[in-house]
C-alpha cells in the first residue's frame, strides 16, 4: 500500500512558529509532526510513502533526505488545495492509497477503512469520528410563527472528517493542475464515496498554537494500531 502525506500548506494558524520552518517540522514532544506520521504509516504496513511539499519545501526535503531517505518527496509549483495537491503525485500513484494531512496525530488502524473502501467499491473513503457539541442557547422548533418544540441547550452529535482518506489512484491520475479541495472532490465522486467512522482510535488535531499547547502533556508514544 502507498500513502501520501500532504505537507504543502503555509501553516498560518501556527505562526509565528511557521515563519521559521514548515508546519510538518513543528515539534510535539521534541519531535517533528511528520516523524510521528511516517512512523504511524509504517506501523500500518505502508510500504511506500510520498510527501508533497510547497511552503519552505527545500527545508522539508533536506530533513526527509537525511532521516527518511526512502520517503519520496514531490515539490509543488503552486498551492492547489487539499485534493488538488495530489496532482503532483499522479505518475507515482498506484492502487488504493492513504492520504493524510500533517496536522493530525492518531493510532488509527488503516486496515479497517481500507477494507470498507474495497468492499464498498468506493473511489474515496473518508475517515471520520463522532463529535458532540453542546449549544449555548435553547433551540426553538417552529412552524410559521407557532412553537412546536423547545430544546434547551441541546447536545448535537455529528461525524467530522479527520483529514485521513483512502483514495483510488485512478482518481488521482485524472487530476489537473488546478485548485481543488477535498470536500469538492468528494461531492463530485458521489455516490462512490464511503465514510469510515473510527471508534477505537484517538485523533489529536495539532493545526493551531492552542492545539499544540493542549497536547504538550499528552504521551503520543506508541502509535501502533
C-alpha atoms as a PDB file:
ATOM      1  CA  UNK A   1       0.000   0.000   0.000  1.00  0.00           C
ATOM      2  CA  UNK A   2       1.107   3.535  -0.764  1.00  0.00           C
ATOM      3  CA  UNK A   3       0.463   6.692   1.258  1.00  0.00           C
ATOM      4  CA  UNK A   4       0.726  10.416   0.563  1.00  0.00           C
ATOM      5  CA  UNK A   5       1.393  12.986   3.272  1.00  0.00           C
ATOM      6  CA  UNK A   6       0.062  16.429   2.320  1.00  0.00           C
ATOM      7  CA  UNK A   7       2.661  18.914   3.563  1.00  0.00           C
ATOM      8  CA  UNK A   8       2.206  21.898   1.273  1.00  0.00           C
ATOM      9  CA  UNK A   9       0.266  24.343   3.445  1.00  0.00           C
ATOM     10  CA  UNK A  10       1.565  27.661   4.751  1.00  0.00           C
ATOM     11  CA  UNK A  11       0.704  26.785   8.357  1.00  0.00           C
ATOM     12  CA  UNK A  12      -0.709  30.257   9.026  1.00  0.00           C
ATOM     13  CA  UNK A  13      -2.549  29.090  12.171  1.00  0.00           C
ATOM     14  CA  UNK A  14       0.793  28.032  13.667  1.00  0.00           C
ATOM     15  CA  UNK A  15       2.525  31.378  13.238  1.00  0.00           C
ATOM     16  CA  UNK A  16       4.959  32.636  14.449  1.00  0.00           C
ATOM     17  CA  UNK A  17       6.449  29.110  14.526  1.00  0.00           C
ATOM     18  CA  UNK A  18       5.919  28.648  10.797  1.00  0.00           C
ATOM     19  CA  UNK A  19       7.726  31.860   9.944  1.00  0.00           C
ATOM     20  CA  UNK A  20      10.900  29.856  10.543  1.00  0.00           C
ATOM     21  CA  UNK A  21      10.071  26.308   9.464  1.00  0.00           C
ATOM     22  CA  UNK A  22       7.345  24.430   7.567  1.00  0.00           C
ATOM     23  CA  UNK A  23       4.406  23.066   9.561  1.00  0.00           C
ATOM     24  CA  UNK A  24       5.457  19.391   9.242  1.00  0.00           C
ATOM     25  CA  UNK A  25       8.656  20.203  11.162  1.00  0.00           C
ATOM     26  CA  UNK A  26       6.898  21.875  14.090  1.00  0.00           C
ATOM     27  CA  UNK A  27       7.732  19.781  17.144  1.00  0.00           C
ATOM     28  CA  UNK A  28       5.493  17.912  19.570  1.00  0.00           C
ATOM     29  CA  UNK A  29       7.320  16.302  22.462  1.00  0.00           C
ATOM     30  CA  UNK A  30      10.648  17.208  20.873  1.00  0.00           C
ATOM     31  CA  UNK A  31       9.899  15.503  17.551  1.00  0.00           C
ATOM     32  CA  UNK A  32       8.543  16.923  14.272  1.00  0.00           C
ATOM     33  CA  UNK A  33       4.917  16.200  13.425  1.00  0.00           C
ATOM     34  CA  UNK A  34       5.879  14.455  10.211  1.00  0.00           C
ATOM     35  CA  UNK A  35       8.088  11.972  12.090  1.00  0.00           C
ATOM     36  CA  UNK A  36       5.061  10.689  14.007  1.00  0.00           C
ATOM     37  CA  UNK A  37       3.035  10.377  10.817  1.00  0.00           C
ATOM     38  CA  UNK A  38       5.729   8.496   8.898  1.00  0.00           C
ATOM     39  CA  UNK A  39       6.229   6.035  11.731  1.00  0.00           C
ATOM     40  CA  UNK A  40       2.468   5.548  12.163  1.00  0.00           C
ATOM     41  CA  UNK A  41       2.166   4.737   8.450  1.00  0.00           C
ATOM     42  CA  UNK A  42       4.998   2.240   8.678  1.00  0.00           C
ATOM     43  CA  UNK A  43       3.369   0.560  11.675  1.00  0.00           C
ATOM     44  CA  UNK A  44       0.307   0.172   9.462  1.00  0.00           C
ATOM     45  CA  UNK A  45       2.396  -1.719   6.924  1.00  0.00           C
ATOM     46  CA  UNK A  46       2.569   1.068   4.349  1.00  0.00           C
ATOM     47  CA  UNK A  47       5.469   0.173   2.082  1.00  0.00           C
ATOM     48  CA  UNK A  48       5.807   3.363   0.023  1.00  0.00           C
ATOM     49  CA  UNK A  49       5.383   6.892   1.343  1.00  0.00           C
ATOM     50  CA  UNK A  50       5.377  10.161  -0.592  1.00  0.00           C
ATOM     51  CA  UNK A  51       5.362  13.705   0.772  1.00  0.00           C
ATOM     52  CA  UNK A  52       4.034  16.665  -1.214  1.00  0.00           C
ATOM     53  CA  UNK A  53       5.588  19.982  -0.233  1.00  0.00           C
ATOM     54  CA  UNK A  54       5.322  23.637  -1.219  1.00  0.00           C
ATOM     55  CA  UNK A  55       5.992  26.096   1.613  1.00  0.00           C
ATOM     56  CA  UNK A  56       9.702  26.027   2.572  1.00  0.00           C
ATOM     57  CA  UNK A  57       9.881  22.751   0.709  1.00  0.00           C
ATOM     58  CA  UNK A  58      13.673  22.784   0.386  1.00  0.00           C
ATOM     59  CA  UNK A  59      13.933  22.702   4.194  1.00  0.00           C
ATOM     60  CA  UNK A  60      11.462  19.831   4.432  1.00  0.00           C
ATOM     61  CA  UNK A  61      13.124  17.921   1.628  1.00  0.00           C
ATOM     62  CA  UNK A  62      16.517  18.261   3.341  1.00  0.00           C
ATOM     63  CA  UNK A  63      15.116  16.889   6.609  1.00  0.00           C
ATOM     64  CA  UNK A  64      13.499  13.904   4.883  1.00  0.00           C
ATOM     65  CA  UNK A  65      16.522  13.067   2.754  1.00  0.00           C
ATOM     66  CA  UNK A  66      18.672  12.874   5.864  1.00  0.00           C
ATOM     67  CA  UNK A  67      16.370  10.940   8.218  1.00  0.00           C
ATOM     68  CA  UNK A  68      13.933   9.197   5.880  1.00  0.00           C
ATOM     69  CA  UNK A  69      15.780   8.692   2.581  1.00  0.00           C
ATOM     70  CA  UNK A  70      13.272   6.068   1.416  1.00  0.00           C
ATOM     71  CA  UNK A  71      10.414   8.597   1.515  1.00  0.00           C
ATOM     72  CA  UNK A  72       9.754  10.115  -1.921  1.00  0.00           C
ATOM     73  CA  UNK A  73       9.477  13.909  -1.947  1.00  0.00           C
ATOM     74  CA  UNK A  74       7.461  15.818  -4.548  1.00  0.00           C
ATOM     75  CA  UNK A  75       7.830  19.564  -4.987  1.00  0.00           C
ATOM     76  CA  UNK A  76       4.820  21.683  -5.920  1.00  0.00           C
ATOM     77  CA  UNK A  77       4.724  24.639  -8.262  1.00  0.00           C
ATOM     78  CA  UNK A  78       1.660  26.155  -6.593  1.00  0.00           C
ATOM     79  CA  UNK A  79      -0.888  25.590  -3.838  1.00  0.00           C
ATOM     80  CA  UNK A  80      -3.786  23.557  -5.221  1.00  0.00           C
ATOM     81  CA  UNK A  81      -5.884  22.706  -2.160  1.00  0.00           C
ATOM     82  CA  UNK A  82      -6.267  19.535  -0.101  1.00  0.00           C
ATOM     83  CA  UNK A  83      -7.222  17.384  -3.094  1.00  0.00           C
ATOM     84  CA  UNK A  84      -5.569  19.275  -5.931  1.00  0.00           C
ATOM     85  CA  UNK A  85      -2.116  18.905  -4.364  1.00  0.00           C
ATOM     86  CA  UNK A  86      -2.303  15.201  -5.249  1.00  0.00           C
ATOM     87  CA  UNK A  87      -1.793  16.264  -8.870  1.00  0.00           C
ATOM     88  CA  UNK A  88       1.948  16.259  -8.229  1.00  0.00           C
ATOM     89  CA  UNK A  89       1.995  12.538  -7.364  1.00  0.00           C
ATOM     90  CA  UNK A  90      -0.236  11.406 -10.256  1.00  0.00           C
ATOM     91  CA  UNK A  91       2.553   9.476 -12.007  1.00  0.00           C
ATOM     92  CA  UNK A  92       3.686   7.826  -8.751  1.00  0.00           C
ATOM     93  CA  UNK A  93       0.172   6.896  -7.639  1.00  0.00           C
ATOM     94  CA  UNK A  94      -0.981   3.302  -7.703  1.00  0.00           C
ATOM     95  CA  UNK A  95      -3.718   1.125  -6.213  1.00  0.00           C
ATOM     96  CA  UNK A  96      -5.708   2.303  -3.196  1.00  0.00           C
ATOM     97  CA  UNK A  97      -3.678   4.914  -1.340  1.00  0.00           C
ATOM     98  CA  UNK A  98      -3.892   6.503   2.086  1.00  0.00           C
ATOM     99  CA  UNK A  99      -3.837  10.304   2.155  1.00  0.00           C
ATOM    100  CA  UNK A 100      -3.156  12.150   5.405  1.00  0.00           C
ATOM    101  CA  UNK A 101      -2.770  15.764   6.467  1.00  0.00           C
ATOM    102  CA  UNK A 102       0.215  16.770   8.597  1.00  0.00           C
ATOM    103  CA  UNK A 103      -1.840  18.262  11.421  1.00  0.00           C
ATOM    104  CA  UNK A 104      -3.326  15.041  12.795  1.00  0.00           C
ATOM    105  CA  UNK A 105      -1.739  12.513  15.164  1.00  0.00           C
ATOM    106  CA  UNK A 106      -3.522   9.187  15.500  1.00  0.00           C
ATOM    107  CA  UNK A 107      -3.226   5.483  16.222  1.00  0.00           C
ATOM    108  CA  UNK A 108      -5.891   4.519  13.665  1.00  0.00           C
ATOM    109  CA  UNK A 109      -5.644   1.022  12.200  1.00  0.00           C
ATOM    110  CA  UNK A 110      -5.729   1.715   8.458  1.00  0.00           C
ATOM    111  CA  UNK A 111      -6.825  -1.824   7.640  1.00  0.00           C
ATOM    112  CA  UNK A 112     -10.405  -1.060   8.637  1.00  0.00           C
ATOM    113  CA  UNK A 113     -11.076   1.945   6.340  1.00  0.00           C
ATOM    114  CA  UNK A 114      -9.187   0.119   3.573  1.00  0.00           C
ATOM    115  CA  UNK A 115     -11.454  -2.912   3.943  1.00  0.00           C
ATOM    116  CA  UNK A 116     -14.550  -0.687   3.784  1.00  0.00           C
ATOM    117  CA  UNK A 117     -13.158   1.168   0.770  1.00  0.00           C
ATOM    118  CA  UNK A 118     -12.701  -2.051  -1.172  1.00  0.00           C
ATOM    119  CA  UNK A 119     -15.894  -3.795  -0.088  1.00  0.00           C
ATOM    120  CA  UNK A 120     -17.953  -0.702  -0.965  1.00  0.00           C
ATOM    121  CA  UNK A 121     -16.260  -0.276  -4.345  1.00  0.00           C
ATOM    122  CA  UNK A 122     -15.522   3.319  -3.350  1.00  0.00           C
ATOM    123  CA  UNK A 123     -13.311   5.761  -5.190  1.00  0.00           C
ATOM    124  CA  UNK A 124     -12.808   7.767  -1.997  1.00  0.00           C
ATOM    125  CA  UNK A 125     -13.242   6.802   1.647  1.00  0.00           C
ATOM    126  CA  UNK A 126     -13.264   9.496   4.317  1.00  0.00           C
ATOM    127  CA  UNK A 127     -12.167   8.607   7.836  1.00  0.00           C
ATOM    128  CA  UNK A 128     -14.485  10.335  10.275  1.00  0.00           C
ATOM    129  CA  UNK A 129     -15.012  10.483  14.018  1.00  0.00           C
ATOM    130  CA  UNK A 130     -18.088  11.199  16.112  1.00  0.00           C
ATOM    131  CA  UNK A 131     -18.124  14.638  17.706  1.00  0.00           C
ATOM    132  CA  UNK A 132     -20.536  16.088  20.260  1.00  0.00           C
ATOM    133  CA  UNK A 133     -21.190  19.792  20.690  1.00  0.00           C
ATOM    134  CA  UNK A 134     -23.440  21.433  23.288  1.00  0.00           C
ATOM    135  CA  UNK A 135     -25.221  24.573  22.155  1.00  0.00           C
ATOM    136  CA  UNK A 136     -25.218  27.573  24.493  1.00  0.00           C
ATOM    137  CA  UNK A 137     -28.810  28.527  23.761  1.00  0.00           C
ATOM    138  CA  UNK A 138     -32.245  26.991  23.682  1.00  0.00           C
ATOM    139  CA  UNK A 139     -33.371  25.846  20.231  1.00  0.00           C
ATOM    140  CA  UNK A 140     -36.907  26.669  19.116  1.00  0.00           C
ATOM    141  CA  UNK A 141     -38.570  24.430  16.527  1.00  0.00           C
ATOM    142  CA  UNK A 142     -41.272  26.374  14.752  1.00  0.00           C
ATOM    143  CA  UNK A 143     -43.851  26.037  12.026  1.00  0.00           C
ATOM    144  CA  UNK A 144     -44.542  29.520  10.781  1.00  0.00           C
ATOM    145  CA  UNK A 145     -44.959  31.552  13.961  1.00  0.00           C
ATOM    146  CA  UNK A 146     -46.133  28.598  16.059  1.00  0.00           C
ATOM    147  CA  UNK A 147     -43.774  26.950  18.557  1.00  0.00           C
ATOM    148  CA  UNK A 148     -43.630  23.177  18.069  1.00  0.00           C
ATOM    149  CA  UNK A 149     -40.807  22.299  20.474  1.00  0.00           C
ATOM    150  CA  UNK A 150     -38.243  23.894  22.759  1.00  0.00           C
ATOM    151  CA  UNK A 151     -34.925  22.106  23.201  1.00  0.00           C
ATOM    152  CA  UNK A 152     -32.916  23.732  25.960  1.00  0.00           C
ATOM    153  CA  UNK A 153     -29.177  23.803  25.179  1.00  0.00           C
ATOM    154  CA  UNK A 154     -29.242  20.523  23.252  1.00  0.00           C
ATOM    155  CA  UNK A 155     -26.207  18.364  22.537  1.00  0.00           C
ATOM    156  CA  UNK A 156     -25.718  17.672  18.843  1.00  0.00           C
ATOM    157  CA  UNK A 157     -23.719  14.706  17.602  1.00  0.00           C
ATOM    158  CA  UNK A 158     -22.255  14.532  14.132  1.00  0.00           C
ATOM    159  CA  UNK A 159     -19.400  12.971  12.181  1.00  0.00           C
ATOM    160  CA  UNK A 160     -16.372  15.112  11.343  1.00  0.00           C
ATOM    161  CA  UNK A 161     -13.561  14.479   8.886  1.00  0.00           C
ATOM    162  CA  UNK A 162     -10.217  13.586  10.455  1.00  0.00           C
ATOM    163  CA  UNK A 163      -8.125  14.582   7.432  1.00  0.00           C
ATOM    164  CA  UNK A 164      -7.343  10.941   6.614  1.00  0.00           C
ATOM    165  CA  UNK A 165      -8.579   9.320   3.407  1.00  0.00           C
ATOM    166  CA  UNK A 166      -8.302   6.256   1.205  1.00  0.00           C
ATOM    167  CA  UNK A 167      -8.352   7.183  -2.475  1.00  0.00           C
ATOM    168  CA  UNK A 168      -8.166   5.255  -5.712  1.00  0.00           C
ATOM    169  CA  UNK A 169      -5.141   6.058  -7.865  1.00  0.00           C
ATOM    170  CA  UNK A 170      -7.497   6.267 -10.851  1.00  0.00           C
ATOM    171  CA  UNK A 171      -8.953   9.442  -9.328  1.00  0.00           C
ATOM    172  CA  UNK A 172      -5.522  10.957  -8.694  1.00  0.00           C
ATOM    173  CA  UNK A 173      -4.319  10.252 -12.213  1.00  0.00           C
ATOM    174  CA  UNK A 174      -7.214  12.281 -13.651  1.00  0.00           C
ATOM    175  CA  UNK A 175      -6.469  15.431 -11.643  1.00  0.00           C
ATOM    176  CA  UNK A 176      -5.375  18.577 -13.433  1.00  0.00           C
ATOM    177  CA  UNK A 177      -3.076  21.269 -12.108  1.00  0.00           C
ATOM    178  CA  UNK A 178      -5.939  23.291 -10.680  1.00  0.00           C
ATOM    179  CA  UNK A 179      -7.257  24.207  -7.250  1.00  0.00           C
ATOM    180  CA  UNK A 180      -9.477  21.556  -5.690  1.00  0.00           C
ATOM    181  CA  UNK A 181     -10.434  20.984  -2.061  1.00  0.00           C
ATOM    182  CA  UNK A 182     -11.232  17.509  -0.767  1.00  0.00           C
ATOM    183  CA  UNK A 183     -14.871  18.313   0.020  1.00  0.00           C
ATOM    184  CA  UNK A 184     -15.447  19.389  -3.577  1.00  0.00           C
ATOM    185  CA  UNK A 185     -13.750  16.264  -4.918  1.00  0.00           C
ATOM    186  CA  UNK A 186     -15.818  14.068  -2.578  1.00  0.00           C
ATOM    187  CA  UNK A 187     -19.052  15.668  -3.763  1.00  0.00           C
ATOM    188  CA  UNK A 188     -18.085  15.119  -7.394  1.00  0.00           C
ATOM    189  CA  UNK A 189     -17.413  11.414  -6.761  1.00  0.00           C
ATOM    190  CA  UNK A 190     -20.721  10.650  -5.043  1.00  0.00           C
ATOM    191  CA  UNK A 191     -22.256   8.108  -4.702  1.00  0.00           C
ATOM    192  CA  UNK A 192     -18.946   6.215  -4.789  1.00  0.00           C
ATOM    193  CA  UNK A 193     -17.748   7.817  -1.562  1.00  0.00           C
ATOM    194  CA  UNK A 194     -17.692   5.877   1.725  1.00  0.00           C
ATOM    195  CA  UNK A 195     -17.331   7.121   5.283  1.00  0.00           C
ATOM    196  CA  UNK A 196     -15.497   5.034   7.863  1.00  0.00           C
ATOM    197  CA  UNK A 197     -16.401   6.179  11.372  1.00  0.00           C
ATOM    198  CA  UNK A 198     -13.474   5.365  13.656  1.00  0.00           C
ATOM    199  CA  UNK A 199     -14.369   4.112  17.110  1.00  0.00           C
ATOM    200  CA  UNK A 200     -11.225   2.536  18.570  1.00  0.00           C
ATOM    201  CA  UNK A 201      -8.727   5.300  17.785  1.00  0.00           C
ATOM    202  CA  UNK A 202      -7.591   8.655  19.071  1.00  0.00           C
ATOM    203  CA  UNK A 203      -7.078  11.775  16.949  1.00  0.00           C
ATOM    204  CA  UNK A 204      -5.157  14.869  18.036  1.00  0.00           C
ATOM    205  CA  UNK A 205      -5.655  17.897  15.831  1.00  0.00           C
ATOM    206  CA  UNK A 206      -2.468  19.978  16.012  1.00  0.00           C
ATOM    207  CA  UNK A 207      -3.291  22.669  13.473  1.00  0.00           C
ATOM    208  CA  UNK A 208      -3.155  25.679  15.812  1.00  0.00           C
ATOM    209  CA  UNK A 209      -0.959  27.032  18.598  1.00  0.00           C
ATOM    210  CA  UNK A 210      -3.739  26.216  21.072  1.00  0.00           C
ATOM    211  CA  UNK A 211      -3.832  22.639  19.791  1.00  0.00           C
ATOM    212  CA  UNK A 212      -0.081  22.300  20.251  1.00  0.00           C
ATOM    213  CA  UNK A 213      -0.335  23.554  23.806  1.00  0.00           C
ATOM    214  CA  UNK A 214      -3.115  21.086  24.581  1.00  0.00           C
ATOM    215  CA  UNK A 215      -1.006  18.080  23.534  1.00  0.00           C
ATOM    216  CA  UNK A 216       2.197  19.112  25.313  1.00  0.00           C
ATOM    217  CA  UNK A 217       1.489  16.708  28.157  1.00  0.00           C
ATOM    218  CA  UNK A 218      -0.102  14.004  26.032  1.00  0.00           C
ATOM    219  CA  UNK A 219       2.061  10.941  25.625  1.00  0.00           C
ATOM    220  CA  UNK A 220       1.738  10.212  21.937  1.00  0.00           C
ATOM    221  CA  UNK A 221       4.358   7.460  22.317  1.00  0.00           C
ATOM    222  CA  UNK A 222       3.010   4.222  20.937  1.00  0.00           C
ATOM    223  CA  UNK A 223       1.214   4.871  17.646  1.00  0.00           C
ATOM    224  CA  UNK A 224       0.865   1.169  16.932  1.00  0.00           C
ATOM    225  CA  UNK A 225      -2.721   0.463  15.770  1.00  0.00           C
END
